Amino acid sequence: MTAPSTYGLSTQARNLQWLLTDLVEEVPGVNSVAVVSSDGLLLLSSDPGGAAAGNPARTKGPRGASADLATIVSGLGSLTTGAAELMDGGAVKQTMVAMEYGSVFVMAISDGSLLGVHATPDCDMSVVAYHMALFVGRAGHVLTPEVRSELRQSMEKTT
């Protein structure tokens, strides 16, 4: 887990970290997960494969693969929201990008935050989407402005 120790965090923040860890450990094919605030800041991340599944080049940057995923999630969120507005499509619920060597999933959380998952190309997409929906359902009401602020400060301490 890239997120800092849970010492000193509120119960809500610790629960969110636990939910994130559970998502990564329980869903086969998940490489990394990030929760990004509506303004694009990384709130929580988990990168169980270390440097993106053994690619040492992925460690470059402020937080390696975690920062990259947060940037991608934020950008996809903005792009799809703009597209939905242009098409009068309503709110974007989920975005999925399938690539030759992996997939990226982005799901909206009720407060405008986003949950992003980078998974292997052979993952079961329906299982990943299902577990993301469970996370969003459990985390949405907990991600209050106070908890978001606490998580941001916690992530800043790890850099």
C-alpha atoms as a PDB file:
ATOM      1  CA  MET A   1       0.000   0.000   0.000  1.00  0.00           C
ATOM      2  CA  THR A   2       1.443   3.334  -1.029  1.00  0.00           C
ATOM      3  CA  ALA A   3      -0.744   5.182   1.430  1.00  0.00           C
ATOM      4  CA  PRO A   4       0.852   5.997   4.761  1.00  0.00           C
ATOM      5  CA  SER A   5       0.408   4.161   8.013  1.00  0.00           C
ATOM      6  CA  THR A   6      -3.069   4.310   9.496  1.00  0.00           C
ATOM      7  CA  TYR A   7      -1.670   5.608  12.776  1.00  0.00           C
ATOM      8  CA  GLY A   8      -3.385   8.843  13.743  1.00  0.00           C
ATOM      9  CA  LEU A   9      -6.069   8.639  11.061  1.00  0.00           C
ATOM     10  CA  SER A  10      -9.776   8.783  11.769  1.00  0.00           C
ATOM     11  CA  THR A  11     -11.864   5.632  11.692  1.00  0.00           C
ATOM     12  CA  GLN A  12     -13.391   6.707   8.365  1.00  0.00           C
ATOM     13  CA  ALA A  13      -9.968   7.213   6.739  1.00  0.00           C
ATOM     14  CA  ARG A  14      -8.716   3.866   8.062  1.00  0.00           C
ATOM     15  CA  ASN A  15     -11.856   2.154   6.740  1.00  0.00           C
ATOM     16  CA  LEU A  16     -11.293   3.631   3.283  1.00  0.00           C
ATOM     17  CA  GLN A  17      -7.701   2.390   3.295  1.00  0.00           C
ATOM     18  CA  TRP A  18      -8.919  -1.038   4.346  1.00  0.00           C
ATOM     19  CA  LEU A  19     -11.523  -1.076   1.527  1.00  0.00           C
ATOM     20  CA  LEU A  20      -8.843  -0.127  -0.992  1.00  0.00           C
ATOM     21  CA  THR A  21      -6.468  -2.831   0.244  1.00  0.00           C
ATOM     22  CA  ASP A  22      -9.305  -5.364   0.135  1.00  0.00           C
ATOM     23  CA  LEU A  23     -10.106  -4.407  -3.474  1.00  0.00           C
ATOM     24  CA  VAL A  24      -6.505  -4.987  -4.547  1.00  0.00           C
ATOM     25  CA  GLU A  25      -6.037  -8.220  -2.621  1.00  0.00           C
ATOM     26  CA  GLU A  26      -9.384  -9.815  -3.462  1.00  0.00           C
ATOM     27  CA  VAL A  27      -9.720  -9.044  -7.171  1.00  0.00           C
ATOM     28  CA  PRO A  28      -7.470 -11.068  -9.493  1.00  0.00           C
ATOM     29  CA  GLY A  29      -5.633  -9.048 -12.121  1.00  0.00           C
ATOM     30  CA  VAL A  30      -5.653  -5.686 -10.349  1.00  0.00           C
ATOM     31  CA  ASN A  31      -2.260  -3.953 -10.644  1.00  0.00           C
ATOM     32  CA  SER A  32      -2.998  -0.712  -8.822  1.00  0.00           C
ATOM     33  CA  VAL A  33      -5.862   1.417  -7.541  1.00  0.00           C
ATOM     34  CA  ALA A  34      -6.188   5.150  -6.929  1.00  0.00           C
ATOM     35  CA  VAL A  35      -8.871   7.378  -5.436  1.00  0.00           C
ATOM     36  CA  VAL A  36      -8.632  10.893  -6.816  1.00  0.00           C
ATOM     37  CA  SER A  37     -10.505  13.951  -5.540  1.00  0.00           C
ATOM     38  CA  SER A  38     -12.717  16.002  -7.842  1.00  0.00           C
ATOM     39  CA  ASP A  39      -9.857  18.510  -8.196  1.00  0.00           C
ATOM     40  CA  GLY A  40      -7.408  15.793  -9.300  1.00  0.00           C
ATOM     41  CA  LEU A  41      -5.468  15.196  -6.092  1.00  0.00           C
ATOM     42  CA  LEU A  42      -4.483  11.681  -5.098  1.00  0.00           C
ATOM     43  CA  LEU A  43      -6.311  10.678  -1.903  1.00  0.00           C
ATOM     44  CA  LEU A  44      -5.565   6.960  -1.639  1.00  0.00           C
ATOM     45  CA  SER A  45      -3.480   4.571  -3.659  1.00  0.00           C
ATOM     46  CA  SER A  46      -2.296   1.021  -3.623  1.00  0.00           C
ATOM     47  CA  ASP A  47       0.404  -0.417  -5.844  1.00  0.00           C
ATOM     48  CA  PRO A  48       0.850  -4.064  -4.870  1.00  0.00           C
ATOM     49  CA  GLY A  49       3.083  -4.860  -7.840  1.00  0.00           C
ATOM     50  CA  GLY A  50       5.684  -2.368  -6.708  1.00  0.00           C
ATOM     51  CA  ALA A  51       7.060  -0.635  -9.758  1.00  0.00           C
ATOM     52  CA  ALA A  52       4.067  -1.496 -11.933  1.00  0.00           C
ATOM     53  CA  ALA A  53       4.475  -5.249 -12.047  1.00  0.00           C
ATOM     54  CA  GLY A  54       8.234  -5.323 -12.229  1.00  0.00           C
ATOM     55  CA  ASN A  55       8.886  -2.487 -14.670  1.00  0.00           C
ATOM     56  CA  PRO A  56      11.626  -0.434 -12.935  1.00  0.00           C
ATOM     57  CA  ALA A  57      11.105   2.493 -15.330  1.00  0.00           C
ATOM     58  CA  ARG A  58       7.689   3.057 -13.707  1.00  0.00           C
ATOM     59  CA  THR A  59       9.279   4.244 -10.469  1.00  0.00           C
ATOM     60  CA  LYS A  60      10.124   7.636 -11.993  1.00  0.00           C
ATOM     61  CA  GLY A  61       8.017  10.594 -10.913  1.00  0.00           C
ATOM     62  CA  PRO A  62       6.802  11.818  -7.536  1.00  0.00           C
ATOM     63  CA  ARG A  63       5.151   8.536  -6.553  1.00  0.00           C
ATOM     64  CA  GLY A  64       5.903   6.270  -9.485  1.00  0.00           C
ATOM     65  CA  ALA A  65       2.948   4.331 -10.853  1.00  0.00           C
ATOM     66  CA  SER A  66       0.552   5.745  -8.252  1.00  0.00           C
ATOM     67  CA  ALA A  67       0.996   9.309  -9.479  1.00  0.00           C
ATOM     68  CA  ASP A  68       0.705   8.147 -13.082  1.00  0.00           C
ATOM     69  CA  LEU A  69      -2.575   6.342 -12.393  1.00  0.00           C
ATOM     70  CA  ALA A  70      -3.968   9.346 -10.516  1.00  0.00           C
ATOM     71  CA  THR A  71      -3.119  11.611 -13.455  1.00  0.00           C
ATOM     72  CA  ILE A  72      -4.736   9.221 -15.938  1.00  0.00           C
ATOM     73  CA  VAL A  73      -7.859   8.825 -13.788  1.00  0.00           C
ATOM     74  CA  SER A  74      -8.242  12.576 -13.402  1.00  0.00           C
ATOM     75  CA  GLY A  75      -7.727  13.179 -17.123  1.00  0.00           C
ATOM     76  CA  LEU A  76     -10.157  10.462 -18.200  1.00  0.00           C
ATOM     77  CA  GLY A  77     -12.704  11.783 -15.724  1.00  0.00           C
ATOM     78  CA  SER A  78     -12.474  15.293 -17.179  1.00  0.00           C
ATOM     79  CA  LEU A  79     -12.523  14.070 -20.775  1.00  0.00           C
ATOM     80  CA  THR A  80     -15.555  11.823 -20.349  1.00  0.00           C
ATOM     81  CA  THR A  81     -17.462  14.435 -18.345  1.00  0.00           C
ATOM     82  CA  GLY A  82     -16.888  16.949 -21.146  1.00  0.00           C
ATOM     83  CA  ALA A  83     -17.961  14.413 -23.759  1.00  0.00           C
ATOM     84  CA  ALA A  84     -21.112  13.580 -21.793  1.00  0.00           C
ATOM     85  CA  GLU A  85     -22.004  17.280 -21.570  1.00  0.00           C
ATOM     86  CA  LEU A  86     -21.526  17.752 -25.319  1.00  0.00           C
ATOM     87  CA  MET A  87     -23.714  14.723 -26.007  1.00  0.00           C
ATOM     88  CA  ASP A  88     -26.351  15.573 -23.363  1.00  0.00           C
ATOM     89  CA  GLY A  89     -25.554  12.171 -21.873  1.00  0.00           C
ATOM     90  CA  GLY A  90     -25.941  12.997 -18.202  1.00  0.00           C
ATOM     91  CA  ALA A  91     -23.459  12.034 -15.523  1.00  0.00           C
ATOM     92  CA  VAL A  92     -20.630   9.632 -16.386  1.00  0.00           C
ATOM     93  CA  LYS A  93     -20.842   6.538 -14.226  1.00  0.00           C
ATOM     94  CA  GLN A  94     -17.980   4.427 -15.542  1.00  0.00           C
ATOM     95  CA  THR A  95     -15.218   4.543 -18.140  1.00  0.00           C
ATOM     96  CA  MET A  96     -13.189   1.590 -19.352  1.00  0.00           C
ATOM     97  CA  VAL A  97     -10.156   1.613 -21.626  1.00  0.00           C
ATOM     98  CA  ALA A  98      -9.007  -1.769 -22.925  1.00  0.00           C
ATOM     99  CA  MET A  99      -5.428  -1.840 -24.172  1.00  0.00           C
ATOM    100  CA  GLU A 100      -3.210  -4.566 -25.536  1.00  0.00           C
ATOM    101  CA  TYR A 101      -1.325  -4.913 -22.241  1.00  0.00           C
ATOM    102  CA  GLY A 102      -3.923  -3.898 -19.682  1.00  0.00           C
ATOM    103  CA  SER A 103      -7.114  -2.063 -18.853  1.00  0.00           C
ATOM    104  CA  VAL A 104      -7.995   1.101 -16.980  1.00  0.00           C
ATOM    105  CA  PHE A 105     -11.345   1.500 -15.277  1.00  0.00           C
ATOM    106  CA  VAL A 106     -12.671   4.758 -13.837  1.00  0.00           C
ATOM    107  CA  MET A 107     -15.821   4.975 -11.735  1.00  0.00           C
ATOM    108  CA  ALA A 108     -17.438   8.062 -10.235  1.00  0.00           C
ATOM    109  CA  ILE A 109     -17.860   8.316  -6.477  1.00  0.00           C
ATOM    110  CA  SER A 110     -20.831  10.319  -5.214  1.00  0.00           C
ATOM    111  CA  ASP A 111     -18.842  13.375  -4.095  1.00  0.00           C
ATOM    112  CA  GLY A 112     -17.155  13.923  -7.463  1.00  0.00           C
ATOM    113  CA  SER A 113     -14.110  11.863  -6.553  1.00  0.00           C
ATOM    114  CA  LEU A 114     -13.051   9.060  -8.854  1.00  0.00           C
ATOM    115  CA  LEU A 115     -11.945   5.482  -8.324  1.00  0.00           C
ATOM    116  CA  GLY A 116      -9.411   4.245 -10.861  1.00  0.00           C
ATOM    117  CA  VAL A 117      -8.128   0.726 -11.387  1.00  0.00           C
ATOM    118  CA  HIS A 118      -5.288  -0.479 -13.607  1.00  0.00           C
ATOM    119  CA  ALA A 119      -5.670  -4.181 -14.350  1.00  0.00           C
ATOM    120  CA  THR A 120      -4.004  -6.889 -16.397  1.00  0.00           C
ATOM    121  CA  PRO A 121      -5.247  -7.615 -19.920  1.00  0.00           C
ATOM    122  CA  ASP A 122      -6.596 -11.010 -18.857  1.00  0.00           C
ATOM    123  CA  CYS A 123      -8.631  -9.731 -15.904  1.00  0.00           C
ATOM    124  CA  ASP A 124     -12.338 -10.498 -15.760  1.00  0.00           C
ATOM    125  CA  MET A 125     -13.694  -7.027 -16.509  1.00  0.00           C
ATOM    126  CA  SER A 126     -17.098  -7.757 -15.018  1.00  0.00           C
ATOM    127  CA  VAL A 127     -15.518  -8.865 -11.730  1.00  0.00           C
ATOM    128  CA  VAL A 128     -13.342  -5.728 -11.590  1.00  0.00           C
ATOM    129  CA  ALA A 129     -16.346  -3.499 -12.330  1.00  0.00           C
ATOM    130  CA  TYR A 130     -18.454  -5.308  -9.724  1.00  0.00           C
ATOM    131  CA  HIS A 131     -15.852  -4.858  -6.981  1.00  0.00           C
ATOM    132  CA  MET A 132     -15.351  -1.220  -7.967  1.00  0.00           C
ATOM    133  CA  ALA A 133     -19.107  -0.668  -7.612  1.00  0.00           C
ATOM    134  CA  LEU A 134     -18.975  -2.258  -4.160  1.00  0.00           C
ATOM    135  CA  PHE A 135     -16.118   0.078  -3.173  1.00  0.00           C
ATOM    136  CA  VAL A 136     -17.995   3.127  -4.487  1.00  0.00           C
ATOM    137  CA  GLY A 137     -21.160   2.099  -2.642  1.00  0.00           C
ATOM    138  CA  ARG A 138     -19.288   1.667   0.624  1.00  0.00           C
ATOM    139  CA  ALA A 139     -16.971   4.673   0.285  1.00  0.00           C
ATOM    140  CA  GLY A 140     -19.277   7.295  -1.183  1.00  0.00           C
ATOM    141  CA  HIS A 141     -20.943   8.375   2.043  1.00  0.00           C
ATOM    142  CA  VAL A 142     -17.683   8.228   4.031  1.00  0.00           C
ATOM    143  CA  LEU A 143     -15.689  10.521   1.724  1.00  0.00           C
ATOM    144  CA  THR A 144     -16.697  13.767   3.444  1.00  0.00           C
ATOM    145  CA  PRO A 145     -14.746  17.009   2.981  1.00  0.00           C
ATOM    146  CA  GLU A 146     -13.053  16.401   6.333  1.00  0.00           C
ATOM    147  CA  VAL A 147     -11.936  12.890   5.392  1.00  0.00           C
ATOM    148  CA  ARG A 148     -10.754  14.054   1.946  1.00  0.00           C
ATOM    149  CA  SER A 149      -8.659  16.747   3.624  1.00  0.00           C
ATOM    150  CA  GLU A 150      -7.235  14.224   6.076  1.00  0.00           C
ATOM    151  CA  LEU A 151      -6.353  11.802   3.282  1.00  0.00           C
ATOM    152  CA  ARG A 152      -4.702  14.549   1.215  1.00  0.00           C
ATOM    153  CA  GLN A 153      -2.539  15.574   4.162  1.00  0.00           C
ATOM    154  CA  SER A 154      -1.691  11.945   4.796  1.00  0.00           C
ATOM    155  CA  MET A 155      -0.608  11.426   1.159  1.00  0.00           C
ATOM    156  CA  GLU A 156       1.488  14.621   1.237  1.00  0.00           C
ATOM    157  CA  LYS A 157       3.471  13.213   4.155  1.00  0.00           C
ATOM    158  CA  THR A 158       4.498  10.200   2.060  1.00  0.00           C
ATOM    159  CA  THR A 159       6.215  12.273  -0.628  1.00  0.00           C
END
